[in-house]
Amino acid sequence: MTVHVTQKTMRAAVLTGPGRLEVREVETPQAGPGQVRIRLEGCGVCASNLTPWEGPEWMQFPTPPGGLGHEGWGVIDQVGQGVEGLKVGDRVAALSHNSYAEFDVADQGAVVRLPPELDGQPFPGEPLGCAINIFRRCEIEAGQTVAIVGIGFLGAILTRLAAEAGARVIAISRRDFALDLARRMGAAETIPMDDHYRIIGQVKDLTGGVFCDRVIEAVGKQWPLDLAAELTRERGRLIIAGYHQDGPRQVNMQLWNWRGLDVVNAHERDPAVYAQGVRDAVAAIVSGRLDPRPLYSHTYGLEELDQALDATRDRPGDFLKALVTFP
């Protein structure tokens, strides 16, 4: 085992109940065989944290130290036995699970080295890799019309990738700020997400009555899911990118059948594919194909994680993506 001298304890966030957390001093974790330990520089805040933050009946408190944080990046300071291709001092993004803390451990297969071109840049690898993997499963081609329902961090990245691929993007979102952002990311048309039937009528007019080759639902709520299906053309592809974890959903199977839709649940569960998505995100950013830095709208300290979670839920003003960073 290769070890860099480090502190014996660390600060870590612990959720103690619905809407409550503490920052505690806890023992610094150790890398096991096949693992590395990372001194974290920061961790992105994910919307998937919001249901546990609300405290549903199935949620168990307190959480493990750093629990729910899974978008971390930083520098390796300990390498476990059997690890190959990674060393102390490597700057990496990690697909780990306790990164609302100063240190976390990750399996070597869940760690992606960051090149020097990204030095000094935040890199929440999990959501960036997620966006790349969703885009791959959309199978978007030049000349297609693509509607994206919901322009947050994920929707904005998908807008940029689809436009860069040569698609005509119609961006739909409830916030004027988000629609302005979508235009900057390459959307050809933007539509306020206010009235169900008005939106359907406008997209119908924009597409000559045939609707869209690809529709990406990136909100995670019932109405946007219903709307997205209505905007998908016959034999088109409906891609579910929203995170639907706050309850069951109903779908209009009559419509799905009648139009012969291909429906893709684009949430990846294969760890190797997830890690490849992060590597592909690194390549996209280094090449200039994608620049996510303007999308990191709010930064918080670890003691402010509760504020970061509330902002992720409430989405005030120009909020897009919160990062928790460590000095």
C-alpha atoms as a PDB file:
ATOM      1  CA  MET A   1       0.000   0.000   0.000  1.00  0.00           C
ATOM      2  CA  THR A   2       1.268   3.442  -0.919  1.00  0.00           C
ATOM      3  CA  VAL A   3       0.340   6.103   1.623  1.00  0.00           C
ATOM      4  CA  HIS A   4       0.704   9.852   1.649  1.00  0.00           C
ATOM      5  CA  VAL A   5       0.906  11.305   5.165  1.00  0.00           C
ATOM      6  CA  THR A   6      -2.568  12.540   5.999  1.00  0.00           C
ATOM      7  CA  GLN A   7      -4.752  13.535   8.914  1.00  0.00           C
ATOM      8  CA  LYS A   8      -6.298  10.851  11.115  1.00  0.00           C
ATOM      9  CA  THR A   9      -9.715  12.491  11.176  1.00  0.00           C
ATOM     10  CA  MET A  10     -11.778  14.404   8.643  1.00  0.00           C
ATOM     11  CA  ARG A  11     -14.861  16.552   8.413  1.00  0.00           C
ATOM     12  CA  ALA A  12     -17.898  14.812   6.959  1.00  0.00           C
ATOM     13  CA  ALA A  13     -21.560  15.723   6.566  1.00  0.00           C
ATOM     14  CA  VAL A  14     -24.075  13.453   8.283  1.00  0.00           C
ATOM     15  CA  LEU A  15     -27.808  13.723   7.647  1.00  0.00           C
ATOM     16  CA  THR A  16     -29.448  13.321  11.042  1.00  0.00           C
ATOM     17  CA  GLY A  17     -33.113  13.638  10.027  1.00  0.00           C
ATOM     18  CA  PRO A  18     -35.422  15.155   7.425  1.00  0.00           C
ATOM     19  CA  GLY A  19     -33.913  18.481   6.396  1.00  0.00           C
ATOM     20  CA  ARG A  20     -31.219  18.296   9.091  1.00  0.00           C
ATOM     21  CA  LEU A  21     -27.496  17.665   8.906  1.00  0.00           C
ATOM     22  CA  GLU A  22     -24.357  18.017  10.990  1.00  0.00           C
ATOM     23  CA  VAL A  23     -20.707  18.287  10.010  1.00  0.00           C
ATOM     24  CA  ARG A  24     -18.824  15.854  12.262  1.00  0.00           C
ATOM     25  CA  GLU A  25     -15.206  15.005  12.875  1.00  0.00           C
ATOM     26  CA  VAL A  26     -14.831  11.316  12.032  1.00  0.00           C
ATOM     27  CA  GLU A  27     -12.067   8.836  11.342  1.00  0.00           C
ATOM     28  CA  THR A  28     -10.494   9.167   7.907  1.00  0.00           C
ATOM     29  CA  PRO A  29     -11.285   6.054   5.804  1.00  0.00           C
ATOM     30  CA  GLN A  30      -8.574   3.697   4.592  1.00  0.00           C
ATOM     31  CA  ALA A  31      -8.220   2.296   1.083  1.00  0.00           C
ATOM     32  CA  GLY A  32      -8.766  -1.452   0.948  1.00  0.00           C
ATOM     33  CA  PRO A  33      -7.424  -3.880  -1.662  1.00  0.00           C
ATOM     34  CA  GLY A  34      -8.219  -2.642  -5.153  1.00  0.00           C
ATOM     35  CA  GLN A  35      -9.183   0.794  -3.842  1.00  0.00           C
ATOM     36  CA  VAL A  36      -7.756   4.286  -3.665  1.00  0.00           C
ATOM     37  CA  ARG A  37      -8.416   7.064  -1.194  1.00  0.00           C
ATOM     38  CA  ILE A  38      -9.058  10.544  -2.528  1.00  0.00           C
ATOM     39  CA  ARG A  39      -8.492  13.840  -0.778  1.00  0.00           C
ATOM     40  CA  LEU A  40     -11.537  15.555  -2.216  1.00  0.00           C
ATOM     41  CA  GLU A  41     -11.509  19.000  -3.762  1.00  0.00           C
ATOM     42  CA  GLY A  42     -15.278  19.053  -4.130  1.00  0.00           C
ATOM     43  CA  CYS A  43     -18.494  17.196  -4.836  1.00  0.00           C
ATOM     44  CA  GLY A  44     -21.480  18.105  -6.952  1.00  0.00           C
ATOM     45  CA  VAL A  45     -24.969  18.150  -5.460  1.00  0.00           C
ATOM     46  CA  CYS A  46     -27.393  15.837  -7.251  1.00  0.00           C
ATOM     47  CA  ALA A  47     -31.180  16.131  -7.466  1.00  0.00           C
ATOM     48  CA  SER A  48     -31.336  12.461  -6.451  1.00  0.00           C
ATOM     49  CA  ASN A  49     -30.362  13.652  -2.944  1.00  0.00           C
ATOM     50  CA  LEU A  50     -33.618  15.547  -2.549  1.00  0.00           C
ATOM     51  CA  THR A  51     -35.914  12.623  -1.723  1.00  0.00           C
ATOM     52  CA  PRO A  52     -33.602  11.379   1.075  1.00  0.00           C
ATOM     53  CA  TRP A  53     -33.235  14.996   2.252  1.00  0.00           C
ATOM     54  CA  GLU A  54     -37.026  15.170   2.660  1.00  0.00           C
ATOM     55  CA  GLY A  55     -36.936  12.068   4.862  1.00  0.00           C
ATOM     56  CA  PRO A  56     -39.312   9.470   3.386  1.00  0.00           C
ATOM     57  CA  GLU A  57     -40.369   6.518   5.525  1.00  0.00           C
ATOM     58  CA  TRP A  58     -37.767   4.216   3.999  1.00  0.00           C
ATOM     59  CA  MET A  59     -34.881   6.597   4.735  1.00  0.00           C
ATOM     60  CA  GLN A  60     -32.576   5.617   7.589  1.00  0.00           C
ATOM     61  CA  PHE A  61     -30.881   8.289   9.689  1.00  0.00           C
ATOM     62  CA  PRO A  62     -28.154   9.089  10.441  1.00  0.00           C
ATOM     63  CA  THR A  63     -26.452   8.567   7.091  1.00  0.00           C
ATOM     64  CA  PRO A  64     -22.879   7.278   6.873  1.00  0.00           C
ATOM     65  CA  PRO A  65     -20.306  10.087   7.037  1.00  0.00           C
ATOM     66  CA  GLY A  66     -20.291  11.828   3.664  1.00  0.00           C
ATOM     67  CA  GLY A  67     -23.307   9.781   2.582  1.00  0.00           C
ATOM     68  CA  LEU A  68     -25.278  10.667  -0.578  1.00  0.00           C
ATOM     69  CA  GLY A  69     -22.286  12.506  -2.074  1.00  0.00           C
ATOM     70  CA  HIS A  70     -21.427  10.717  -5.319  1.00  0.00           C
ATOM     71  CA  GLU A  71     -20.032  13.425  -7.615  1.00  0.00           C
ATOM     72  CA  GLY A  72     -16.585  13.854  -6.091  1.00  0.00           C
ATOM     73  CA  TRP A  73     -13.217  14.773  -7.539  1.00  0.00           C
ATOM     74  CA  GLY A  74      -9.797  15.329  -5.991  1.00  0.00           C
ATOM     75  CA  VAL A  75      -6.292  13.900  -5.606  1.00  0.00           C
ATOM     76  CA  ILE A  76      -5.340  10.338  -4.697  1.00  0.00           C
ATOM     77  CA  ASP A  77      -3.432  10.226  -1.406  1.00  0.00           C
ATOM     78  CA  GLN A  78      -3.523   6.475  -0.670  1.00  0.00           C
ATOM     79  CA  VAL A  79      -3.367   3.437  -2.954  1.00  0.00           C
ATOM     80  CA  GLY A  80      -4.536   0.013  -1.769  1.00  0.00           C
ATOM     81  CA  GLN A  81      -2.952  -3.349  -2.526  1.00  0.00           C
ATOM     82  CA  GLY A  82      -3.332  -4.626  -6.066  1.00  0.00           C
ATOM     83  CA  VAL A  83      -4.147  -1.275  -7.632  1.00  0.00           C
ATOM     84  CA  GLU A  84      -2.555  -0.730 -11.030  1.00  0.00           C
ATOM     85  CA  GLY A  85      -2.410   2.354 -13.223  1.00  0.00           C
ATOM     86  CA  LEU A  86      -3.147   4.841 -10.437  1.00  0.00           C
ATOM     87  CA  LYS A  87      -0.730   6.490  -8.014  1.00  0.00           C
ATOM     88  CA  VAL A  88      -0.577   8.976  -5.177  1.00  0.00           C
ATOM     89  CA  GLY A  89      -0.827  12.493  -6.597  1.00  0.00           C
ATOM     90  CA  ASP A  90      -3.098  11.630  -9.533  1.00  0.00           C
ATOM     91  CA  ARG A  91      -6.009  14.041  -9.880  1.00  0.00           C
ATOM     92  CA  VAL A  92      -9.177  12.031 -10.510  1.00  0.00           C
ATOM     93  CA  ALA A  93     -12.959  11.936 -10.636  1.00  0.00           C
ATOM     94  CA  ALA A  94     -14.558   9.129  -8.658  1.00  0.00           C
ATOM     95  CA  LEU A  95     -17.798   7.190  -8.806  1.00  0.00           C
ATOM     96  CA  SER A  96     -18.024   6.726  -5.053  1.00  0.00           C
ATOM     97  CA  HIS A  97     -20.750   7.142  -2.457  1.00  0.00           C
ATOM     98  CA  ASN A  98     -19.599   9.183   0.544  1.00  0.00           C
ATOM     99  CA  SER A  99     -18.092  12.313  -0.958  1.00  0.00           C
ATOM    100  CA  TYR A 100     -19.741  14.975   1.211  1.00  0.00           C
ATOM    101  CA  ALA A 101     -16.517  14.712   3.176  1.00  0.00           C
ATOM    102  CA  GLU A 102     -12.857  15.635   2.971  1.00  0.00           C
ATOM    103  CA  PHE A 103     -11.876  12.082   1.939  1.00  0.00           C
ATOM    104  CA  ASP A 104     -13.569   9.155   0.218  1.00  0.00           C
ATOM    105  CA  VAL A 105     -12.493   5.742  -1.069  1.00  0.00           C
ATOM    106  CA  ALA A 106     -13.334   4.234  -4.429  1.00  0.00           C
ATOM    107  CA  ASP A 107     -12.680   1.036  -6.349  1.00  0.00           C
ATOM    108  CA  GLN A 108      -9.970   1.479  -8.951  1.00  0.00           C
ATOM    109  CA  GLY A 109     -12.439   0.735 -11.772  1.00  0.00           C
ATOM    110  CA  ALA A 110     -14.613   3.626 -10.608  1.00  0.00           C
ATOM    111  CA  VAL A 111     -11.823   6.197 -10.810  1.00  0.00           C
ATOM    112  CA  VAL A 112     -10.965   8.248 -13.900  1.00  0.00           C
ATOM    113  CA  ARG A 113      -7.704  10.168 -14.120  1.00  0.00           C
ATOM    114  CA  LEU A 114      -8.040  13.839 -15.083  1.00  0.00           C
ATOM    115  CA  PRO A 115      -5.462  15.222 -17.553  1.00  0.00           C
ATOM    116  CA  PRO A 116      -3.404  18.391 -16.938  1.00  0.00           C
ATOM    117  CA  GLU A 117      -5.703  20.349 -19.288  1.00  0.00           C
ATOM    118  CA  LEU A 118      -8.378  20.164 -16.568  1.00  0.00           C
ATOM    119  CA  ASP A 119      -6.159  21.346 -13.705  1.00  0.00           C
ATOM    120  CA  GLY A 120      -7.964  23.870 -11.568  1.00  0.00           C
ATOM    121  CA  GLN A 121     -11.368  23.031 -13.036  1.00  0.00           C
ATOM    122  CA  PRO A 122     -14.168  21.416 -11.037  1.00  0.00           C
ATOM    123  CA  PHE A 123     -15.027  17.987 -12.387  1.00  0.00           C
ATOM    124  CA  PRO A 124     -18.141  16.296 -10.962  1.00  0.00           C
ATOM    125  CA  GLY A 125     -17.602  13.188 -13.037  1.00  0.00           C
ATOM    126  CA  GLU A 126     -20.827  11.294 -12.320  1.00  0.00           C
ATOM    127  CA  PRO A 127     -23.314  13.795 -13.846  1.00  0.00           C
ATOM    128  CA  LEU A 128     -20.989  14.594 -16.743  1.00  0.00           C
ATOM    129  CA  GLY A 129     -20.617  10.896 -17.534  1.00  0.00           C
ATOM    130  CA  CYS A 130     -24.369  10.446 -17.093  1.00  0.00           C
ATOM    131  CA  ALA A 131     -25.039  13.161 -19.692  1.00  0.00           C
ATOM    132  CA  ILE A 132     -22.648  11.565 -22.168  1.00  0.00           C
ATOM    133  CA  ASN A 133     -24.224   8.128 -21.707  1.00  0.00           C
ATOM    134  CA  ILE A 134     -27.747   9.519 -22.110  1.00  0.00           C
ATOM    135  CA  PHE A 135     -26.699  11.290 -25.288  1.00  0.00           C
ATOM    136  CA  ARG A 136     -25.219   8.075 -26.675  1.00  0.00           C
ATOM    137  CA  ARG A 137     -28.473   6.204 -26.066  1.00  0.00           C
ATOM    138  CA  CYS A 138     -30.481   8.929 -27.804  1.00  0.00           C
ATOM    139  CA  GLU A 139     -28.786   8.005 -31.125  1.00  0.00           C
ATOM    140  CA  ILE A 140     -29.126  11.587 -32.378  1.00  0.00           C
ATOM    141  CA  GLU A 141     -28.107  12.281 -35.962  1.00  0.00           C
ATOM    142  CA  ALA A 142     -27.610  15.395 -38.039  1.00  0.00           C
ATOM    143  CA  GLY A 143     -30.853  16.749 -39.467  1.00  0.00           C
ATOM    144  CA  GLN A 144     -33.103  15.324 -36.770  1.00  0.00           C
ATOM    145  CA  THR A 145     -35.444  17.463 -34.690  1.00  0.00           C
ATOM    146  CA  VAL A 146     -34.869  16.942 -30.970  1.00  0.00           C
ATOM    147  CA  ALA A 147     -37.043  18.328 -28.178  1.00  0.00           C
ATOM    148  CA  ILE A 148     -35.559  18.577 -24.685  1.00  0.00           C
ATOM    149  CA  VAL A 149     -38.121  18.961 -21.914  1.00  0.00           C
ATOM    150  CA  GLY A 150     -36.428  20.551 -18.903  1.00  0.00           C
ATOM    151  CA  ILE A 151     -33.310  22.713 -19.132  1.00  0.00           C
ATOM    152  CA  GLY A 152     -31.268  22.325 -16.003  1.00  0.00           C
ATOM    153  CA  PHE A 153     -27.658  21.148 -15.801  1.00  0.00           C
ATOM    154  CA  LEU A 154     -28.405  17.892 -17.646  1.00  0.00           C
ATOM    155  CA  GLY A 155     -30.772  19.441 -20.190  1.00  0.00           C
ATOM    156  CA  ALA A 156     -28.288  22.193 -20.983  1.00  0.00           C
ATOM    157  CA  ILE A 157     -25.480  19.711 -21.657  1.00  0.00           C
ATOM    158  CA  LEU A 158     -27.752  17.579 -23.835  1.00  0.00           C
ATOM    159  CA  THR A 159     -28.806  20.706 -25.748  1.00  0.00           C
ATOM    160  CA  ARG A 160     -25.161  21.462 -26.498  1.00  0.00           C
ATOM    161  CA  LEU A 161     -24.331  17.887 -27.525  1.00  0.00           C
ATOM    162  CA  ALA A 162     -27.411  17.550 -29.758  1.00  0.00           C
ATOM    163  CA  ALA A 163     -26.815  20.894 -31.466  1.00  0.00           C
ATOM    164  CA  GLU A 164     -23.135  20.050 -31.958  1.00  0.00           C
ATOM    165  CA  ALA A 165     -24.230  16.782 -33.620  1.00  0.00           C
ATOM    166  CA  GLY A 166     -26.233  18.760 -36.183  1.00  0.00           C
ATOM    167  CA  ALA A 167     -29.737  18.318 -34.756  1.00  0.00           C
ATOM    168  CA  ARG A 168     -32.356  21.048 -34.601  1.00  0.00           C
ATOM    169  CA  VAL A 169     -33.058  21.439 -30.884  1.00  0.00           C
ATOM    170  CA  ILE A 170     -36.337  22.659 -29.411  1.00  0.00           C
ATOM    171  CA  ALA A 171     -35.762  23.493 -25.730  1.00  0.00           C
ATOM    172  CA  ILE A 172     -38.719  23.584 -23.339  1.00  0.00           C
ATOM    173  CA  SER A 173     -38.403  24.884 -19.785  1.00  0.00           C
ATOM    174  CA  ARG A 174     -40.380  26.869 -17.223  1.00  0.00           C
ATOM    175  CA  ARG A 175     -37.694  29.475 -16.452  1.00  0.00           C
ATOM    176  CA  ASP A 176     -36.785  32.355 -18.778  1.00  0.00           C
ATOM    177  CA  PHE A 177     -33.203  32.068 -17.543  1.00  0.00           C
ATOM    178  CA  ALA A 178     -33.076  28.423 -18.640  1.00  0.00           C
ATOM    179  CA  LEU A 179     -34.473  29.234 -22.078  1.00  0.00           C
ATOM    180  CA  ASP A 180     -31.831  31.940 -22.559  1.00  0.00           C
ATOM    181  CA  LEU A 181     -29.183  29.398 -21.543  1.00  0.00           C
ATOM    182  CA  ALA A 182     -30.571  26.855 -24.013  1.00  0.00           C
ATOM    183  CA  ARG A 183     -30.200  29.364 -26.834  1.00  0.00           C
ATOM    184  CA  ARG A 184     -26.579  29.944 -25.818  1.00  0.00           C
ATOM    185  CA  MET A 185     -26.040  26.176 -25.835  1.00  0.00           C
ATOM    186  CA  GLY A 186     -27.332  25.933 -29.403  1.00  0.00           C
ATOM    187  CA  ALA A 187     -31.113  25.501 -29.254  1.00  0.00           C
ATOM    188  CA  ALA A 188     -32.812  26.623 -32.460  1.00  0.00           C
ATOM    189  CA  GLU A 189     -36.200  27.176 -30.765  1.00  0.00           C
ATOM    190  CA  THR A 190     -37.247  27.733 -27.162  1.00  0.00           C
ATOM    191  CA  ILE A 191     -40.719  27.332 -25.664  1.00  0.00           C
ATOM    192  CA  PRO A 192     -41.901  28.287 -22.155  1.00  0.00           C
ATOM    193  CA  MET A 193     -43.197  25.257 -20.269  1.00  0.00           C
ATOM    194  CA  ASP A 194     -46.509  26.686 -19.150  1.00  0.00           C
ATOM    195  CA  ASP A 195     -49.552  25.276 -20.986  1.00  0.00           C
ATOM    196  CA  HIS A 196     -49.694  21.629 -22.059  1.00  0.00           C
ATOM    197  CA  TYR A 197     -51.805  22.029 -25.194  1.00  0.00           C
ATOM    198  CA  ARG A 198     -50.203  25.280 -26.302  1.00  0.00           C
ATOM    199  CA  ILE A 199     -46.775  23.611 -26.238  1.00  0.00           C
ATOM    200  CA  ILE A 200     -48.050  20.640 -28.254  1.00  0.00           C
ATOM    201  CA  GLY A 201     -49.587  22.985 -30.795  1.00  0.00           C
ATOM    202  CA  GLN A 202     -46.424  25.055 -31.119  1.00  0.00           C
ATOM    203  CA  VAL A 203     -44.187  22.016 -31.606  1.00  0.00           C
ATOM    204  CA  LYS A 204     -46.663  20.642 -34.130  1.00  0.00           C
ATOM    205  CA  ASP A 205     -46.434  23.892 -36.082  1.00  0.00           C
ATOM    206  CA  LEU A 206     -42.619  23.962 -35.872  1.00  0.00           C
ATOM    207  CA  THR A 207     -42.358  20.423 -37.250  1.00  0.00           C
ATOM    208  CA  GLY A 208     -44.947  20.562 -40.015  1.00  0.00           C
ATOM    209  CA  GLY A 209     -47.324  18.380 -38.025  1.00  0.00           C
ATOM    210  CA  VAL A 210     -45.018  15.386 -37.572  1.00  0.00           C
ATOM    211  CA  PHE A 211     -43.460  16.228 -34.177  1.00  0.00           C
ATOM    212  CA  CYS A 212     -39.920  15.275 -33.117  1.00  0.00           C
ATOM    213  CA  ASP A 213     -37.548  12.450 -34.025  1.00  0.00           C
ATOM    214  CA  ARG A 214     -36.148  12.401 -30.488  1.00  0.00           C
ATOM    215  CA  VAL A 215     -37.618  13.780 -27.273  1.00  0.00           C
ATOM    216  CA  ILE A 216     -35.628  13.825 -24.035  1.00  0.00           C
ATOM    217  CA  GLU A 217     -37.566  14.193 -20.771  1.00  0.00           C
ATOM    218  CA  ALA A 218     -35.119  15.658 -18.233  1.00  0.00           C
ATOM    219  CA  VAL A 219     -37.347  16.775 -15.340  1.00  0.00           C
ATOM    220  CA  GLY A 220     -38.483  13.677 -13.458  1.00  0.00           C
ATOM    221  CA  LYS A 221     -42.133  14.636 -12.931  1.00  0.00           C
ATOM    222  CA  GLN A 222     -45.434  13.303 -14.296  1.00  0.00           C
ATOM    223  CA  TRP A 223     -46.484  16.239 -16.460  1.00  0.00           C
ATOM    224  CA  PRO A 224     -43.172  16.602 -18.338  1.00  0.00           C
ATOM    225  CA  LEU A 225     -43.264  12.855 -18.989  1.00  0.00           C
ATOM    226  CA  ASP A 226     -46.779  13.141 -20.432  1.00  0.00           C
ATOM    227  CA  LEU A 227     -45.759  16.148 -22.496  1.00  0.00           C
ATOM    228  CA  ALA A 228     -42.627  14.471 -23.852  1.00  0.00           C
ATOM    229  CA  ALA A 229     -44.631  11.531 -25.202  1.00  0.00           C
ATOM    230  CA  GLU A 230     -47.042  13.893 -26.986  1.00  0.00           C
ATOM    231  CA  LEU A 231     -44.098  15.593 -28.728  1.00  0.00           C
ATOM    232  CA  THR A 232     -42.580  12.368 -30.100  1.00  0.00           C
ATOM    233  CA  ARG A 233     -43.335  11.531 -33.720  1.00  0.00           C
ATOM    234  CA  GLU A 234     -44.519   8.180 -35.040  1.00  0.00           C
ATOM    235  CA  ARG A 235     -41.680   5.672 -34.700  1.00  0.00           C
ATOM    236  CA  GLY A 236     -39.686   8.312 -32.848  1.00  0.00           C
ATOM    237  CA  ARG A 237     -37.598   7.739 -29.732  1.00  0.00           C
ATOM    238  CA  LEU A 238     -38.656   8.948 -26.274  1.00  0.00           C
ATOM    239  CA  ILE A 239     -35.712   9.096 -23.864  1.00  0.00           C
ATOM    240  CA  ILE A 240     -36.359   9.164 -20.116  1.00  0.00           C
ATOM    241  CA  ALA A 241     -33.496  11.090 -18.517  1.00  0.00           C
ATOM    242  CA  GLY A 242     -35.441  12.549 -15.576  1.00  0.00           C
ATOM    243  CA  TYR A 243     -34.988  10.910 -12.198  1.00  0.00           C
ATOM    244  CA  HIS A 244     -38.425   9.568 -11.213  1.00  0.00           C
ATOM    245  CA  GLN A 245     -37.957   8.572  -7.575  1.00  0.00           C
ATOM    246  CA  ASP A 246     -40.688  10.460  -5.730  1.00  0.00           C
ATOM    247  CA  GLY A 247     -43.474   8.025  -6.618  1.00  0.00           C
ATOM    248  CA  PRO A 248     -44.946   5.820  -9.368  1.00  0.00           C
ATOM    249  CA  ARG A 249     -45.864   7.175 -12.782  1.00  0.00           C
ATOM    250  CA  GLN A 250     -48.661   6.543 -15.260  1.00  0.00           C
ATOM    251  CA  VAL A 251     -48.030   6.506 -18.996  1.00  0.00           C
ATOM    252  CA  ASN A 252     -50.359   6.948 -21.944  1.00  0.00           C
ATOM    253  CA  MET A 253     -49.832   3.490 -23.374  1.00  0.00           C
ATOM    254  CA  GLN A 254     -52.542   4.093 -25.960  1.00  0.00           C
ATOM    255  CA  LEU A 255     -50.432   6.925 -27.401  1.00  0.00           C
ATOM    256  CA  TRP A 256     -47.186   4.979 -27.084  1.00  0.00           C
ATOM    257  CA  ASN A 257     -48.740   2.021 -28.931  1.00  0.00           C
ATOM    258  CA  TRP A 258     -50.434   4.098 -31.605  1.00  0.00           C
ATOM    259  CA  ARG A 259     -47.279   5.978 -32.514  1.00  0.00           C
ATOM    260  CA  GLY A 260     -45.022   2.926 -32.230  1.00  0.00           C
ATOM    261  CA  LEU A 261     -42.583   4.750 -29.964  1.00  0.00           C
ATOM    262  CA  ASP A 262     -39.189   3.452 -28.936  1.00  0.00           C
ATOM    263  CA  VAL A 263     -38.864   4.284 -25.233  1.00  0.00           C
ATOM    264  CA  VAL A 264     -35.432   4.324 -23.596  1.00  0.00           C
ATOM    265  CA  ASN A 265     -34.829   4.510 -19.862  1.00  0.00           C
ATOM    266  CA  ALA A 266     -31.407   6.128 -20.083  1.00  0.00           C
ATOM    267  CA  HIS A 267     -30.273   5.619 -16.473  1.00  0.00           C
ATOM    268  CA  GLU A 268     -27.092   3.582 -16.608  1.00  0.00           C
ATOM    269  CA  ARG A 269     -26.457   0.834 -14.071  1.00  0.00           C
ATOM    270  CA  ASP A 270     -23.370  -0.919 -15.464  1.00  0.00           C
ATOM    271  CA  PRO A 271     -20.365   0.469 -13.501  1.00  0.00           C
ATOM    272  CA  ALA A 272     -17.993  -0.049 -16.431  1.00  0.00           C
ATOM    273  CA  VAL A 273     -20.274   1.876 -18.802  1.00  0.00           C
ATOM    274  CA  TYR A 274     -20.655   4.627 -16.224  1.00  0.00           C
ATOM    275  CA  ALA A 275     -16.875   4.967 -15.936  1.00  0.00           C
ATOM    276  CA  GLN A 276     -16.539   5.016 -19.725  1.00  0.00           C
ATOM    277  CA  GLY A 277     -19.038   7.872 -19.813  1.00  0.00           C
ATOM    278  CA  VAL A 278     -16.806   9.842 -17.446  1.00  0.00           C
ATOM    279  CA  ARG A 279     -13.769   9.168 -19.654  1.00  0.00           C
ATOM    280  CA  ASP A 280     -15.759  10.288 -22.691  1.00  0.00           C
ATOM    281  CA  ALA A 281     -16.770  13.454 -20.818  1.00  0.00           C
ATOM    282  CA  VAL A 282     -13.099  14.173 -20.119  1.00  0.00           C
ATOM    283  CA  ALA A 283     -12.352  13.817 -23.836  1.00  0.00           C
ATOM    284  CA  ALA A 284     -15.280  16.046 -24.829  1.00  0.00           C
ATOM    285  CA  ILE A 285     -14.191  18.825 -22.486  1.00  0.00           C
ATOM    286  CA  VAL A 286     -10.500  18.644 -23.378  1.00  0.00           C
ATOM    287  CA  SER A 287     -11.373  18.800 -27.099  1.00  0.00           C
ATOM    288  CA  GLY A 288     -13.586  21.856 -26.612  1.00  0.00           C
ATOM    289  CA  ARG A 289     -16.713  20.025 -27.701  1.00  0.00           C
ATOM    290  CA  LEU A 290     -18.249  20.721 -24.298  1.00  0.00           C
ATOM    291  CA  ASP A 291     -17.548  23.370 -21.641  1.00  0.00           C
ATOM    292  CA  PRO A 292     -19.597  22.800 -18.480  1.00  0.00           C
ATOM    293  CA  ARG A 293     -17.949  25.526 -16.400  1.00  0.00           C
ATOM    294  CA  PRO A 294     -20.680  28.151 -16.983  1.00  0.00           C
ATOM    295  CA  LEU A 295     -23.220  25.622 -15.662  1.00  0.00           C
ATOM    296  CA  TYR A 296     -21.699  25.444 -12.174  1.00  0.00           C
ATOM    297  CA  SER A 297     -23.827  28.286 -10.891  1.00  0.00           C
ATOM    298  CA  HIS A 298     -23.501  28.042  -7.082  1.00  0.00           C
ATOM    299  CA  THR A 299     -20.664  27.005  -4.774  1.00  0.00           C
ATOM    300  CA  TYR A 300     -20.955  26.168  -1.069  1.00  0.00           C
ATOM    301  CA  GLY A 301     -18.737  25.022   1.763  1.00  0.00           C
ATOM    302  CA  LEU A 302     -19.345  21.707   3.503  1.00  0.00           C
ATOM    303  CA  GLU A 303     -21.084  23.433   6.425  1.00  0.00           C
ATOM    304  CA  GLU A 304     -23.481  24.954   3.873  1.00  0.00           C
ATOM    305  CA  LEU A 305     -24.574  21.648   2.363  1.00  0.00           C
ATOM    306  CA  ASP A 306     -28.089  22.145   3.718  1.00  0.00           C
ATOM    307  CA  GLN A 307     -28.306  25.425   1.779  1.00  0.00           C
ATOM    308  CA  ALA A 308     -27.008  23.660  -1.347  1.00  0.00           C
ATOM    309  CA  LEU A 309     -29.676  20.970  -1.042  1.00  0.00           C
ATOM    310  CA  ASP A 310     -32.435  23.527  -0.497  1.00  0.00           C
ATOM    311  CA  ALA A 311     -31.279  25.522  -3.524  1.00  0.00           C
ATOM    312  CA  THR A 312     -31.201  22.347  -5.628  1.00  0.00           C
ATOM    313  CA  ARG A 313     -34.808  21.754  -4.597  1.00  0.00           C
ATOM    314  CA  ASP A 314     -36.081  25.344  -4.963  1.00  0.00           C
ATOM    315  CA  ARG A 315     -33.963  26.408  -7.986  1.00  0.00           C
ATOM    316  CA  PRO A 316     -33.944  30.140  -7.237  1.00  0.00           C
ATOM    317  CA  GLY A 317     -33.076  32.708  -9.904  1.00  0.00           C
ATOM    318  CA  ASP A 318     -30.228  31.528 -12.108  1.00  0.00           C
ATOM    319  CA  PHE A 319     -29.578  28.297 -10.198  1.00  0.00           C
ATOM    320  CA  LEU A 320     -28.367  25.367 -12.298  1.00  0.00           C
ATOM    321  CA  LYS A 321     -25.854  23.251 -10.408  1.00  0.00           C
ATOM    322  CA  ALA A 322     -24.418  23.404  -6.892  1.00  0.00           C
ATOM    323  CA  LEU A 323     -20.924  22.318  -5.975  1.00  0.00           C
ATOM    324  CA  VAL A 324     -19.627  21.747  -2.465  1.00  0.00           C
ATOM    325  CA  THR A 325     -15.919  22.539  -2.360  1.00  0.00           C
ATOM    326  CA  PHE A 326     -13.201  22.000   0.229  1.00  0.00           C
ATOM    327  CA  PRO A 327     -10.424  24.533   0.911  1.00  0.00           C
END
